[in-house]
């Protein structure tokens, strides 16, 4: 019997449940950026995306701060994009072609970029 407080075992259980999910099968690359002043937000969000079956390829700080979280996607209909949108309750979803003026290098390197703004980060303070 496992101790529920043991986050490693909980993570393993969640990953086992999502291993063969449609989300994981889509194999979209995900970049997670912290666009707030709350330390560790990219790491926390990356952890959730990984547990959901996502493939996080980059995690770090955004080049600037964002009041509102943004999801930048190559395909708005992808299951991965829709799942991340729902899980993090992101209202602003834009296509990569509409994000050219954002100057976040990870947007070009990943299929999906999740930028955590103050709206989500403030929930963790």
Foldseek 3Di string as FASTA:
>chain_A
DDDPVPVVVVLVVLCVVQVPPLLLVVAFEEAEAEQEPQPPPQVVLVSVLVSNNYHYPYTYHFPHHDQAKEKEAQDCPRPNNVVSCVVQVHPHYYYLVVCPPRPGVVSVVTRMYIYDHCVRSVVVD
